[in-house]
Amino acid sequence: MYAAIHLASAERTRADIFLSTDDRLIKKAKRNIQLIHVPVDNPVQWLLNVT
């Protein structure tokens, strides 16, 4: 539940990305990508893609 609140806050503040280690949250966010307006990823995966 707290992660969902953090995700909503990230959307509200127009964050560039939302990083989380909560696999369930990441999977749900990726399944509902059309509803979520901020990219969601695992910090390790994001770092590997950025570098």
Protein backbone atom coordinates (compact mmCIF):
# COMPACT_ATOMS: atom_id res chain seq x y z
CA MET A 1 0.00 0.00 0.00
CA TYR A 2 2.78 2.44 0.86
CA ALA A 3 4.45 1.76 -2.48
CA ALA A 4 1.22 2.66 -4.28
CA ILE A 5 1.10 5.96 -2.41
CA HIS A 6 4.71 6.63 -3.36
CA LEU A 7 3.91 5.82 -6.99
CA ALA A 8 0.95 8.20 -6.93
CA SER A 9 3.22 10.89 -5.47
CA ALA A 10 5.77 10.28 -8.21
CA GLU A 11 3.06 10.75 -10.83
CA ARG A 12 1.72 13.86 -9.14
CA THR A 13 5.16 15.49 -9.04
CA ARG A 14 5.94 14.34 -12.61
CA ALA A 15 8.99 12.32 -11.62
CA ASP A 16 11.22 11.09 -14.43
CA ILE A 17 11.19 7.53 -13.08
CA PHE A 18 9.94 5.55 -10.08
CA LEU A 19 12.43 2.99 -8.76
CA SER A 20 11.26 0.18 -6.50
CA THR A 21 12.40 -3.23 -5.35
CA ASP A 22 8.79 -4.37 -4.93
CA ASP A 23 8.44 -6.94 -7.72
CA ARG A 24 4.66 -7.12 -7.39
CA LEU A 25 4.33 -3.36 -7.79
CA ILE A 26 6.66 -3.33 -10.81
CA LYS A 27 4.72 -6.14 -12.51
CA LYS A 28 1.38 -4.41 -11.89
CA ALA A 29 2.74 -1.10 -13.14
CA LYS A 30 4.08 -2.69 -16.33
CA ARG A 31 0.76 -4.49 -16.89
CA ASN A 32 -1.08 -1.17 -16.56
CA ILE A 33 1.42 0.99 -18.42
CA GLN A 34 -1.35 2.90 -20.21
CA LEU A 35 -2.70 4.14 -16.85
CA ILE A 36 0.60 5.03 -15.18
CA HIS A 37 2.37 8.13 -16.44
CA VAL A 38 5.78 7.55 -14.88
CA PRO A 39 8.16 4.74 -15.82
CA VAL A 40 8.56 2.11 -13.08
CA ASP A 41 11.62 -0.09 -12.80
CA ASN A 42 13.90 -1.96 -10.44
CA PRO A 43 16.93 0.18 -9.49
CA VAL A 44 19.43 -2.51 -10.55
CA GLN A 45 17.75 -3.08 -13.92
CA TRP A 46 17.44 0.65 -14.50
CA LEU A 47 21.12 1.19 -13.73
CA LEU A 48 22.16 -1.60 -16.09
CA ASN A 49 20.08 -0.04 -18.88
CA VAL A 50 21.35 3.50 -18.27
CA THR A 51 25.05 2.67 -18.19
